[in-house]
Amino acid sequence: MNKPVSTGIISAILSLSGSATLLAQEVERTGLSSVGSELSLMSLFWEAGLVVKLVMIGLLVASIWSWAIIFDKIVLYARTKRQLSRFEKIFWSGQSLEELYQTLSERAPNGMGALFVSAMKEWKRSFERGARSAIGLQMRIDKALDVSLSREMERLERRLLFLATVGAAAPFVGLFGTVIGIMTSFQAIAGSKSTSLAVVAPGIAEALLATALGLLAAIPAVIAYNKLSADVGKIGMRLESFADEFSAILSRQNDEKSGI
């Protein structure tokens, strides 16, 4: 008599257990789908805390400004290289230095043109005032070339430091947002006393989004900074070479005028 009763009880327990398992699976599936539908990028941003929002906005602004600098420098360096090549072609074509100076002094030249005009201006001013010391004149010409070269390099390198700063700091700023997002997840676990994915997912997603934005800002900035620094270094070498060559030319002319 007891055996059929025991079998019935066991069957009922198994049936209830199976129903509970199916119910749990259904609840978990429903929770996952609802969580997945709520984890869009915009929803993550709007549901994030104030600190995480500020981190995301700061990283987005840094990324946009970095790209603006990158495109500006690419265009500037390409135009500068064309100007250098065009000036070298004209300079070494045999045209009179006086004629070239008159042409360039009428506008505000850049690159080698700026170095040429500054050196010629000092050279002409010194001779108009009756310079007596060829050594002093040469020193003034070299000084004028150095000042013009420094100004040109400063113009070309302007805002490059921002790319280096973003490349170095953005990952750590994103990491700060990651820490805040993980702290939010732990606070949610403590408040709900549950470790289900529906409780943990929003905070973890915020943390990962902050990390991704940090890398999104840092990686292009680092690559662009290295490439643009190499380009401006090559331009600087061409300017320095021209400054040395032109200084030697003016030095020979100084000797000729001085009768040496």
Foldseek 3Di string as FASTA:
>chain_A
DVVVVVVVVVVVVVVVVVVVVVVVVVVLVVLVVVLVVQLDPVSLLVPDDPLLVVLLVVLVVLQVVLVVVLVVLVVVLVVLVVVLVVVVCVVPPPDDLVVLLVVLVVDCDAALSQLSNQLVVLLVVCVVVPPDDLVVSLVVSLVSNVVRLVVRLCVSCPPLVSLVVLLVCLQVSLQVQLVVLQVCLVVQCVVVVDDRCSSRVSSNSSSVVSNVSSCSRNVVSVVSSVVSVVSSVVSSVSSVVSSVVVSVVVSVVSCVVNVD
